[in-house]
Amino acid sequence: MIVTRFAPSPTGFLHLGHAYAAFRAYDAARAGGGRFLLRIEDIDSTRCHPEFERAILEDLRWLGIAWEEPVRRQSDHFADYAAALTKLEAAGLIYPCFCTRKEIAAEIARAGIAPSAGDNRGEDAYPGTCRALPDAMRARRMAEGAAYALRLDVAKARARHPGILQFVEHGGGPNGEIGTQTARPEPSGDIVLARKELPTSYHLAVVVDDALQGVTLVTRGHDLFPATGIQRLLQALLGLPVPDYAHHPLVLDERGRKFSKRDRGVTLAGLREAGETPETLRARLGI
């Protein structure tokens, strides 16, 4: 049975791009006689707010999209992510990083790392500054209360799983990829898996969630296609099932930019107030 999911973050109001993504996931589940799940990705407590979650539910109901209950909220399941993190830590695949974003950016500039490298979630590829810190120094800095992130040592992780990592792509990918693909986690670098005050981050949470929820098809935008490499590696390390993927084109504005949650003119609430209907939105989005 096909199981899809739509997983917005309640950091603002849904817009046209979200509608397209929700329709794609919902229609894929219905076409396959399967299940459609809604997940609220709210691990960022500083930016996520209940009012936006309520608006998400209202917008989806207006679009005619129904989901299974209960809705999974990531903030309710930190224990699941902590258990996965403990497993990786026990395998010696995680190390603390004490670098600030400013320090990382400066090191990247010195090293001449291509700015396109990174984890596709707004972070630059990490140059490995803290990877070789002595254990005694790590312990001292942590005991002193220094802020830190916990990073995956990708080189060690690949040594643990040296074989070819693959996934099946149905959507076409940003360069027309379709069928069985070879996952390449290395370009993402040593990604952040957790922080001192938070037992998870995007990559760790989504692979754990998809496995626990039985998701069999991940539908999402082309911009997240490169992230599949590092997520496929995490699935291998944690012994998790591998879903199929369908990466779809992004919905862009007239300037070729992704829509913003701050632009009231393209939010679903704003479009609804302007007289749009779910049917006109589907036609507008080519669905």
C-alpha atoms as a PDB file:
ATOM      1  CA  MET A   1       0.000   0.000   0.000  1.00  0.00           C
ATOM      2  CA  ILE A   2       1.269   3.454  -0.892  1.00  0.00           C
ATOM      3  CA  VAL A   3       1.650   5.858   2.044  1.00  0.00           C
ATOM      4  CA  THR A   4       2.477   9.512   1.427  1.00  0.00           C
ATOM      5  CA  ARG A   5       2.825  12.508   3.703  1.00  0.00           C
ATOM      6  CA  PHE A   6       2.694  16.285   3.683  1.00  0.00           C
ATOM      7  CA  ALA A   7       5.003  17.754   6.317  1.00  0.00           C
ATOM      8  CA  PRO A   8       4.845  21.545   6.663  1.00  0.00           C
ATOM      9  CA  SER A   9       6.535  23.615   9.359  1.00  0.00           C
ATOM     10  CA  PRO A  10       4.222  26.020  11.227  1.00  0.00           C
ATOM     11  CA  THR A  11       6.490  29.025  10.737  1.00  0.00           C
ATOM     12  CA  GLY A  12       4.055  30.975   8.560  1.00  0.00           C
ATOM     13  CA  PHE A  13       1.017  30.636   6.348  1.00  0.00           C
ATOM     14  CA  LEU A  14       0.798  28.094   3.522  1.00  0.00           C
ATOM     15  CA  HIS A  15       1.195  29.465  -0.010  1.00  0.00           C
ATOM     16  CA  LEU A  16       0.788  28.269  -3.591  1.00  0.00           C
ATOM     17  CA  GLY A  17       3.911  26.122  -3.420  1.00  0.00           C
ATOM     18  CA  HIS A  18       2.587  24.309  -0.376  1.00  0.00           C
ATOM     19  CA  ALA A  19      -0.743  23.728  -2.104  1.00  0.00           C
ATOM     20  CA  TYR A  20       1.054  22.129  -5.043  1.00  0.00           C
ATOM     21  CA  ALA A  21       3.091  19.870  -2.742  1.00  0.00           C
ATOM     22  CA  ALA A  22       0.024  18.881  -0.720  1.00  0.00           C
ATOM     23  CA  PHE A  23      -2.000  18.108  -3.850  1.00  0.00           C
ATOM     24  CA  ARG A  24       0.846  15.977  -5.258  1.00  0.00           C
ATOM     25  CA  ALA A  25       1.153  13.879  -2.102  1.00  0.00           C
ATOM     26  CA  TYR A  26      -2.601  13.571  -1.604  1.00  0.00           C
ATOM     27  CA  ASP A  27      -3.317  12.640  -5.216  1.00  0.00           C
ATOM     28  CA  ALA A  28      -0.517  10.053  -5.249  1.00  0.00           C
ATOM     29  CA  ALA A  29      -2.027   8.335  -2.221  1.00  0.00           C
ATOM     30  CA  ARG A  30      -5.550   8.386  -3.639  1.00  0.00           C
ATOM     31  CA  ALA A  31      -4.432   7.133  -7.053  1.00  0.00           C
ATOM     32  CA  GLY A  32      -2.749   4.158  -5.414  1.00  0.00           C
ATOM     33  CA  GLY A  33      -5.594   3.410  -3.031  1.00  0.00           C
ATOM     34  CA  GLY A  34      -3.290   4.254  -0.166  1.00  0.00           C
ATOM     35  CA  ARG A  35      -2.987   6.487   2.857  1.00  0.00           C
ATOM     36  CA  PHE A  36      -2.192  10.182   3.214  1.00  0.00           C
ATOM     37  CA  LEU A  37      -0.575  11.472   6.407  1.00  0.00           C
ATOM     38  CA  LEU A  38      -0.082  14.958   7.794  1.00  0.00           C
ATOM     39  CA  ARG A  39       3.001  15.686   9.882  1.00  0.00           C
ATOM     40  CA  ILE A  40       3.781  18.971  11.595  1.00  0.00           C
ATOM     41  CA  GLU A  41       7.537  19.594  11.595  1.00  0.00           C
ATOM     42  CA  ASP A  42       7.775  21.896  14.597  1.00  0.00           C
ATOM     43  CA  ILE A  43      11.162  21.168  16.145  1.00  0.00           C
ATOM     44  CA  ASP A  44      12.174  24.823  15.776  1.00  0.00           C
ATOM     45  CA  SER A  45      10.345  26.174  18.813  1.00  0.00           C
ATOM     46  CA  THR A  46      11.557  29.736  18.253  1.00  0.00           C
ATOM     47  CA  ARG A  47       9.883  30.043  14.833  1.00  0.00           C
ATOM     48  CA  CYS A  48       6.938  27.640  15.077  1.00  0.00           C
ATOM     49  CA  HIS A  49       3.655  28.943  16.479  1.00  0.00           C
ATOM     50  CA  PRO A  50       0.243  27.356  17.199  1.00  0.00           C
ATOM     51  CA  GLU A  51      -1.567  29.989  15.141  1.00  0.00           C
ATOM     52  CA  PHE A  52       0.277  28.842  12.020  1.00  0.00           C
ATOM     53  CA  GLU A  53      -0.528  25.195  12.756  1.00  0.00           C
ATOM     54  CA  ARG A  54      -4.212  26.062  13.073  1.00  0.00           C
ATOM     55  CA  ALA A  55      -4.007  27.925   9.769  1.00  0.00           C
ATOM     56  CA  ILE A  56      -2.366  24.906   8.101  1.00  0.00           C
ATOM     57  CA  LEU A  57      -5.243  22.651   9.142  1.00  0.00           C
ATOM     58  CA  GLU A  58      -7.804  25.198   7.969  1.00  0.00           C
ATOM     59  CA  ASP A  59      -6.088  25.630   4.596  1.00  0.00           C
ATOM     60  CA  LEU A  60      -5.838  21.896   3.966  1.00  0.00           C
ATOM     61  CA  ARG A  61      -9.499  21.359   4.805  1.00  0.00           C
ATOM     62  CA  TRP A  62     -10.386  24.158   2.376  1.00  0.00           C
ATOM     63  CA  LEU A  63      -8.315  22.449  -0.326  1.00  0.00           C
ATOM     64  CA  GLY A  64     -10.418  19.316   0.181  1.00  0.00           C
ATOM     65  CA  ILE A  65      -7.543  17.311   1.622  1.00  0.00           C
ATOM     66  CA  ALA A  66      -8.301  14.788   4.366  1.00  0.00           C
ATOM     67  CA  TRP A  67      -5.653  13.096   6.495  1.00  0.00           C
ATOM     68  CA  GLU A  68      -5.441  10.336   9.042  1.00  0.00           C
ATOM     69  CA  GLU A  69      -5.538  11.146  12.729  1.00  0.00           C
ATOM     70  CA  PRO A  70      -3.653  11.622  14.909  1.00  0.00           C
ATOM     71  CA  VAL A  71      -1.382  14.179  13.287  1.00  0.00           C
ATOM     72  CA  ARG A  72       2.250  13.531  14.180  1.00  0.00           C
ATOM     73  CA  ARG A  73       3.944  16.572  15.702  1.00  0.00           C
ATOM     74  CA  GLN A  74       7.697  16.292  15.883  1.00  0.00           C
ATOM     75  CA  SER A  75       7.839  18.195  19.180  1.00  0.00           C
ATOM     76  CA  ASP A  76       5.930  15.304  20.792  1.00  0.00           C
ATOM     77  CA  HIS A  77       8.468  12.691  19.744  1.00  0.00           C
ATOM     78  CA  PHE A  78      11.904  13.875  20.833  1.00  0.00           C
ATOM     79  CA  ALA A  79      12.434  10.496  22.546  1.00  0.00           C
ATOM     80  CA  ASP A  80      12.305   8.755  19.147  1.00  0.00           C
ATOM     81  CA  TYR A  81      15.011  11.019  17.748  1.00  0.00           C
ATOM     82  CA  ALA A  82      17.123  10.740  20.893  1.00  0.00           C
ATOM     83  CA  ALA A  83      17.063   6.938  20.580  1.00  0.00           C
ATOM     84  CA  ALA A  84      18.295   7.140  16.980  1.00  0.00           C
ATOM     85  CA  LEU A  85      20.995   9.622  17.989  1.00  0.00           C
ATOM     86  CA  THR A  86      22.136   7.312  20.790  1.00  0.00           C
ATOM     87  CA  LYS A  87      22.509   4.468  18.297  1.00  0.00           C
ATOM     88  CA  LEU A  88      24.723   6.569  16.035  1.00  0.00           C
ATOM     89  CA  GLU A  89      26.708   7.844  19.003  1.00  0.00           C
ATOM     90  CA  ALA A  90      27.302   4.305  20.260  1.00  0.00           C
ATOM     91  CA  ALA A  91      28.726   3.446  16.830  1.00  0.00           C
ATOM     92  CA  GLY A  92      31.235   6.291  17.149  1.00  0.00           C
ATOM     93  CA  LEU A  93      29.771   8.225  14.222  1.00  0.00           C
ATOM     94  CA  ILE A  94      29.007  11.527  15.959  1.00  0.00           C
ATOM     95  CA  TYR A  95      31.234  14.297  17.262  1.00  0.00           C
ATOM     96  CA  PRO A  96      30.567  17.670  18.930  1.00  0.00           C
ATOM     97  CA  CYS A  97      31.212  20.815  16.928  1.00  0.00           C
ATOM     98  CA  PHE A  98      31.751  24.117  18.753  1.00  0.00           C
ATOM     99  CA  CYS A  99      32.004  26.340  15.675  1.00  0.00           C
ATOM    100  CA  THR A 100      29.673  29.294  15.226  1.00  0.00           C
ATOM    101  CA  ARG A 101      28.039  29.981  11.861  1.00  0.00           C
ATOM    102  CA  LYS A 102      30.394  32.934  11.428  1.00  0.00           C
ATOM    103  CA  GLU A 103      33.444  30.772  12.057  1.00  0.00           C
ATOM    104  CA  ILE A 104      32.194  28.127   9.624  1.00  0.00           C
ATOM    105  CA  ALA A 105      31.587  30.738   6.920  1.00  0.00           C
ATOM    106  CA  ALA A 106      35.081  32.170   7.431  1.00  0.00           C
ATOM    107  CA  GLU A 107      36.673  28.714   7.200  1.00  0.00           C
ATOM    108  CA  ILE A 108      34.699  27.931   4.053  1.00  0.00           C
ATOM    109  CA  ALA A 109      35.901  31.188   2.497  1.00  0.00           C
ATOM    110  CA  ARG A 110      39.521  30.362   3.391  1.00  0.00           C
ATOM    111  CA  ALA A 111      39.198  26.831   2.024  1.00  0.00           C
ATOM    112  CA  GLY A 112      37.521  27.956  -1.187  1.00  0.00           C
ATOM    113  CA  ILE A 113      34.614  25.522  -0.805  1.00  0.00           C
ATOM    114  CA  ALA A 114      31.944  25.972  -3.484  1.00  0.00           C
ATOM    115  CA  PRO A 115      28.983  27.910  -2.088  1.00  0.00           C
ATOM    116  CA  SER A 116      26.549  25.448  -3.679  1.00  0.00           C
ATOM    117  CA  ALA A 117      27.689  22.682  -1.349  1.00  0.00           C
ATOM    118  CA  GLY A 118      25.624  22.099   1.748  1.00  0.00           C
ATOM    119  CA  ASP A 119      22.694  20.239   3.237  1.00  0.00           C
ATOM    120  CA  ASN A 120      19.857  21.978   1.364  1.00  0.00           C
ATOM    121  CA  ARG A 121      18.403  23.292   4.606  1.00  0.00           C
ATOM    122  CA  GLY A 122      20.240  26.592   4.750  1.00  0.00           C
ATOM    123  CA  GLU A 123      23.593  25.370   6.057  1.00  0.00           C
ATOM    124  CA  ASP A 124      26.903  25.452   4.239  1.00  0.00           C
ATOM    125  CA  ALA A 125      28.934  22.274   3.892  1.00  0.00           C
ATOM    126  CA  TYR A 126      30.954  21.973   7.091  1.00  0.00           C
ATOM    127  CA  PRO A 127      34.754  22.007   6.556  1.00  0.00           C
ATOM    128  CA  GLY A 128      35.431  19.578   9.444  1.00  0.00           C
ATOM    129  CA  THR A 129      37.077  22.019  11.833  1.00  0.00           C
ATOM    130  CA  CYS A 130      36.139  20.126  15.025  1.00  0.00           C
ATOM    131  CA  ARG A 131      36.286  16.617  13.595  1.00  0.00           C
ATOM    132  CA  ALA A 132      39.786  15.890  14.914  1.00  0.00           C
ATOM    133  CA  LEU A 133      39.575  17.651  18.289  1.00  0.00           C
ATOM    134  CA  PRO A 134      41.074  15.514  21.093  1.00  0.00           C
ATOM    135  CA  ASP A 135      38.529  13.830  23.327  1.00  0.00           C
ATOM    136  CA  ALA A 136      39.893  15.666  26.363  1.00  0.00           C
ATOM    137  CA  MET A 137      39.329  19.046  24.728  1.00  0.00           C
ATOM    138  CA  ARG A 138      35.809  18.063  23.700  1.00  0.00           C
ATOM    139  CA  ALA A 139      34.987  16.947  27.226  1.00  0.00           C
ATOM    140  CA  ARG A 140      36.456  20.126  28.723  1.00  0.00           C
ATOM    141  CA  ARG A 141      34.499  22.454  26.457  1.00  0.00           C
ATOM    142  CA  MET A 142      31.266  20.572  27.034  1.00  0.00           C
ATOM    143  CA  ALA A 143      31.844  20.620  30.814  1.00  0.00           C
ATOM    144  CA  GLU A 144      32.363  24.397  30.586  1.00  0.00           C
ATOM    145  CA  GLY A 145      28.906  24.721  29.072  1.00  0.00           C
ATOM    146  CA  ALA A 146      29.971  25.699  25.568  1.00  0.00           C
ATOM    147  CA  ALA A 147      27.278  25.607  22.901  1.00  0.00           C
ATOM    148  CA  TYR A 148      27.736  22.788  20.412  1.00  0.00           C
ATOM    149  CA  ALA A 149      26.145  20.836  17.608  1.00  0.00           C
ATOM    150  CA  LEU A 150      26.410  17.093  17.147  1.00  0.00           C
ATOM    151  CA  ARG A 151      27.580  16.251  13.636  1.00  0.00           C
ATOM    152  CA  LEU A 152      27.640  13.016  11.673  1.00  0.00           C
ATOM    153  CA  ASP A 153      31.142  11.959  10.655  1.00  0.00           C
ATOM    154  CA  VAL A 154      30.272  11.129   7.060  1.00  0.00           C
ATOM    155  CA  ALA A 155      33.655   9.554   6.276  1.00  0.00           C
ATOM    156  CA  LYS A 156      33.310   7.127   9.189  1.00  0.00           C
ATOM    157  CA  ALA A 157      29.686   6.493   8.282  1.00  0.00           C
ATOM    158  CA  ARG A 158      30.608   5.635   4.693  1.00  0.00           C
ATOM    159  CA  ALA A 159      33.334   3.320   5.971  1.00  0.00           C
ATOM    160  CA  ARG A 160      30.628   1.563   7.976  1.00  0.00           C
ATOM    161  CA  HIS A 161      28.485   1.289   4.815  1.00  0.00           C
ATOM    162  CA  PRO A 162      30.955   1.333   1.907  1.00  0.00           C
ATOM    163  CA  GLY A 163      28.607  -0.169  -0.665  1.00  0.00           C
ATOM    164  CA  ILE A 164      26.415   1.624  -3.182  1.00  0.00           C
ATOM    165  CA  LEU A 165      23.403   3.300  -1.598  1.00  0.00           C
ATOM    166  CA  GLN A 166      20.399   3.494  -3.880  1.00  0.00           C
ATOM    167  CA  PHE A 167      16.846   4.826  -3.962  1.00  0.00           C
ATOM    168  CA  VAL A 168      14.045   4.822  -6.517  1.00  0.00           C
ATOM    169  CA  GLU A 169      13.008   8.156  -8.036  1.00  0.00           C
ATOM    170  CA  HIS A 170       9.591   8.526  -9.651  1.00  0.00           C
ATOM    171  CA  GLY A 171       9.260  12.274 -10.064  1.00  0.00           C
ATOM    172  CA  GLY A 172      12.031  12.978 -12.526  1.00  0.00           C
ATOM    173  CA  GLY A 173      14.423  14.889 -10.286  1.00  0.00           C
ATOM    174  CA  PRO A 174      15.859  18.333 -11.121  1.00  0.00           C
ATOM    175  CA  ASN A 175      17.867  16.913 -14.037  1.00  0.00           C
ATOM    176  CA  GLY A 176      15.314  14.408 -15.253  1.00  0.00           C
ATOM    177  CA  GLU A 177      16.481  11.593 -12.981  1.00  0.00           C
ATOM    178  CA  ILE A 178      14.063   8.682 -12.836  1.00  0.00           C
ATOM    179  CA  GLY A 179      14.306   5.061 -11.761  1.00  0.00           C
ATOM    180  CA  THR A 180      17.019   3.629  -9.507  1.00  0.00           C
ATOM    181  CA  GLN A 181      19.458   6.325  -8.381  1.00  0.00           C
ATOM    182  CA  THR A 182      22.813   6.171  -6.609  1.00  0.00           C
ATOM    183  CA  ALA A 183      22.740   8.211  -3.403  1.00  0.00           C
ATOM    184  CA  ARG A 184      25.710  10.513  -2.813  1.00  0.00           C
ATOM    185  CA  PRO A 185      25.841  11.730   0.792  1.00  0.00           C
ATOM    186  CA  GLU A 186      29.374  13.163   0.673  1.00  0.00           C
ATOM    187  CA  PRO A 187      28.525  16.604  -0.819  1.00  0.00           C
ATOM    188  CA  SER A 188      26.376  17.423   2.198  1.00  0.00           C
ATOM    189  CA  GLY A 189      29.383  17.199   4.500  1.00  0.00           C
ATOM    190  CA  ASP A 190      29.215  16.423   8.210  1.00  0.00           C
ATOM    191  CA  ILE A 191      25.627  17.508   8.778  1.00  0.00           C
ATOM    192  CA  VAL A 192      24.170  18.583  12.107  1.00  0.00           C
ATOM    193  CA  LEU A 193      22.039  15.859  13.679  1.00  0.00           C
ATOM    194  CA  ALA A 194      21.291  17.545  16.989  1.00  0.00           C
ATOM    195  CA  ARG A 195      22.307  20.417  19.218  1.00  0.00           C
ATOM    196  CA  LYS A 196      23.126  20.783  22.876  1.00  0.00           C
ATOM    197  CA  GLU A 197      19.571  21.842  23.662  1.00  0.00           C
ATOM    198  CA  LEU A 198      17.717  19.845  21.007  1.00  0.00           C
ATOM    199  CA  PRO A 199      17.991  16.078  20.327  1.00  0.00           C
ATOM    200  CA  THR A 200      17.355  16.283  16.595  1.00  0.00           C
ATOM    201  CA  SER A 201      17.536  18.270  13.373  1.00  0.00           C
ATOM    202  CA  TYR A 202      15.746  18.096  10.036  1.00  0.00           C
ATOM    203  CA  HIS A 203      17.615  15.169   8.463  1.00  0.00           C
ATOM    204  CA  LEU A 204      17.484  12.887  11.497  1.00  0.00           C
ATOM    205  CA  ALA A 205      13.856  13.676  12.309  1.00  0.00           C
ATOM    206  CA  VAL A 206      12.490  13.064   8.811  1.00  0.00           C
ATOM    207  CA  VAL A 207      14.132   9.679   8.323  1.00  0.00           C
ATOM    208  CA  VAL A 208      12.952   8.509  11.744  1.00  0.00           C
ATOM    209  CA  ASP A 209       9.449   9.880  11.176  1.00  0.00           C
ATOM    210  CA  ASP A 210       9.092   8.364   7.704  1.00  0.00           C
ATOM    211  CA  ALA A 211      10.143   4.970   9.027  1.00  0.00           C
ATOM    212  CA  LEU A 212       7.889   5.042  12.103  1.00  0.00           C
ATOM    213  CA  GLN A 213       4.927   6.255  10.055  1.00  0.00           C
ATOM    214  CA  GLY A 214       5.423   3.662   7.329  1.00  0.00           C
ATOM    215  CA  VAL A 215       5.826   6.227   4.552  1.00  0.00           C
ATOM    216  CA  THR A 216       6.478   4.441   1.253  1.00  0.00           C
ATOM    217  CA  LEU A 217       6.617   7.439  -1.111  1.00  0.00           C
ATOM    218  CA  VAL A 218       8.173  10.779  -0.217  1.00  0.00           C
ATOM    219  CA  THR A 219       6.906  13.552  -2.493  1.00  0.00           C
ATOM    220  CA  ARG A 220       8.753  16.869  -2.245  1.00  0.00           C
ATOM    221  CA  GLY A 221      10.378  19.618  -4.297  1.00  0.00           C
ATOM    222  CA  HIS A 222      13.393  19.407  -6.572  1.00  0.00           C
ATOM    223  CA  ASP A 223      15.367  21.539  -4.113  1.00  0.00           C
ATOM    224  CA  LEU A 224      15.482  18.601  -1.692  1.00  0.00           C
ATOM    225  CA  PHE A 225      16.689  16.037  -4.232  1.00  0.00           C
ATOM    226  CA  PRO A 226      20.352  16.362  -3.092  1.00  0.00           C
ATOM    227  CA  ALA A 227      19.275  15.832   0.528  1.00  0.00           C
ATOM    228  CA  THR A 228      18.200  12.301  -0.375  1.00  0.00           C
ATOM    229  CA  GLY A 229      21.846  11.235  -0.366  1.00  0.00           C
ATOM    230  CA  ILE A 230      22.508  11.999   3.285  1.00  0.00           C
ATOM    231  CA  GLN A 231      19.081  10.730   4.320  1.00  0.00           C
ATOM    232  CA  ARG A 232      19.696   7.464   2.487  1.00  0.00           C
ATOM    233  CA  LEU A 233      22.936   7.097   4.455  1.00  0.00           C
ATOM    234  CA  LEU A 234      21.110   7.669   7.742  1.00  0.00           C
ATOM    235  CA  GLN A 235      18.544   5.040   6.781  1.00  0.00           C
ATOM    236  CA  ALA A 236      21.359   2.550   6.213  1.00  0.00           C
ATOM    237  CA  LEU A 237      23.091   3.409   9.495  1.00  0.00           C
ATOM    238  CA  LEU A 238      19.871   3.103  11.500  1.00  0.00           C
ATOM    239  CA  GLY A 239      18.567   0.018   9.695  1.00  0.00           C
ATOM    240  CA  LEU A 240      15.446   1.832   8.482  1.00  0.00           C
ATOM    241  CA  PRO A 241      13.310   0.977   5.443  1.00  0.00           C
ATOM    242  CA  VAL A 242      13.902   3.035   2.306  1.00  0.00           C
ATOM    243  CA  PRO A 243      10.877   4.768   0.775  1.00  0.00           C
ATOM    244  CA  ASP A 244      10.609   5.671  -2.890  1.00  0.00           C
ATOM    245  CA  TYR A 245      10.876   9.346  -3.805  1.00  0.00           C
ATOM    246  CA  ALA A 246       9.083  11.660  -6.214  1.00  0.00           C
ATOM    247  CA  HIS A 247      10.704  15.080  -6.431  1.00  0.00           C
ATOM    248  CA  HIS A 248       8.522  17.588  -8.238  1.00  0.00           C
ATOM    249  CA  PRO A 249       9.189  21.018  -9.795  1.00  0.00           C
ATOM    250  CA  LEU A 250       8.908  24.056  -7.551  1.00  0.00           C
ATOM    251  CA  VAL A 251       6.158  26.609  -8.004  1.00  0.00           C
ATOM    252  CA  LEU A 252       7.898  29.939  -8.658  1.00  0.00           C
ATOM    253  CA  ASP A 253       6.780  33.538  -8.869  1.00  0.00           C
ATOM    254  CA  GLU A 254       7.025  35.695 -11.981  1.00  0.00           C
ATOM    255  CA  ARG A 255      10.682  36.438 -11.147  1.00  0.00           C
ATOM    256  CA  GLY A 256      11.567  32.769 -10.898  1.00  0.00           C
ATOM    257  CA  ARG A 257      11.813  32.792  -7.101  1.00  0.00           C
ATOM    258  CA  LYS A 258      10.237  30.472  -4.554  1.00  0.00           C
ATOM    259  CA  PHE A 259       7.172  31.868  -2.840  1.00  0.00           C
ATOM    260  CA  SER A 260       7.525  33.320   0.643  1.00  0.00           C
ATOM    261  CA  LYS A 261       5.234  32.730   3.611  1.00  0.00           C
ATOM    262  CA  ARG A 262       5.451  36.474   4.223  1.00  0.00           C
ATOM    263  CA  ASP A 263       3.770  37.365   0.909  1.00  0.00           C
ATOM    264  CA  ARG A 264       0.063  37.626   1.764  1.00  0.00           C
ATOM    265  CA  GLY A 265      -0.845  37.768  -1.932  1.00  0.00           C
ATOM    266  CA  VAL A 266       0.114  34.133  -2.513  1.00  0.00           C
ATOM    267  CA  THR A 267      -0.879  32.614   0.828  1.00  0.00           C
ATOM    268  CA  LEU A 268      -3.817  30.263   0.646  1.00  0.00           C
ATOM    269  CA  ALA A 269      -5.734  32.449   3.099  1.00  0.00           C
ATOM    270  CA  GLY A 270      -5.166  35.479   0.908  1.00  0.00           C
ATOM    271  CA  LEU A 271      -6.134  33.634  -2.264  1.00  0.00           C
ATOM    272  CA  ARG A 272      -9.256  32.295  -0.584  1.00  0.00           C
ATOM    273  CA  GLU A 273     -10.249  35.817   0.432  1.00  0.00           C
ATOM    274  CA  ALA A 274      -9.667  36.958  -3.166  1.00  0.00           C
ATOM    275  CA  GLY A 275     -12.212  34.437  -4.458  1.00  0.00           C
ATOM    276  CA  GLU A 276     -10.010  31.518  -5.490  1.00  0.00           C
ATOM    277  CA  THR A 277     -11.411  28.002  -5.086  1.00  0.00           C
ATOM    278  CA  PRO A 278      -9.625  24.658  -4.789  1.00  0.00           C
ATOM    279  CA  GLU A 279     -10.685  23.922  -8.363  1.00  0.00           C
ATOM    280  CA  THR A 280      -9.230  27.160  -9.748  1.00  0.00           C
ATOM    281  CA  LEU A 281      -6.061  26.581  -7.771  1.00  0.00           C
ATOM    282  CA  ARG A 282      -5.666  23.095  -9.250  1.00  0.00           C
ATOM    283  CA  ALA A 283      -6.131  24.543 -12.739  1.00  0.00           C
ATOM    284  CA  ARG A 284      -3.662  27.313 -11.999  1.00  0.00           C
ATOM    285  CA  LEU A 285      -1.097  24.798 -10.766  1.00  0.00           C
ATOM    286  CA  GLY A 286      -1.650  22.430 -13.676  1.00  0.00           C
ATOM    287  CA  ILE A 287      -2.929  19.587 -11.525  1.00  0.00           C
END
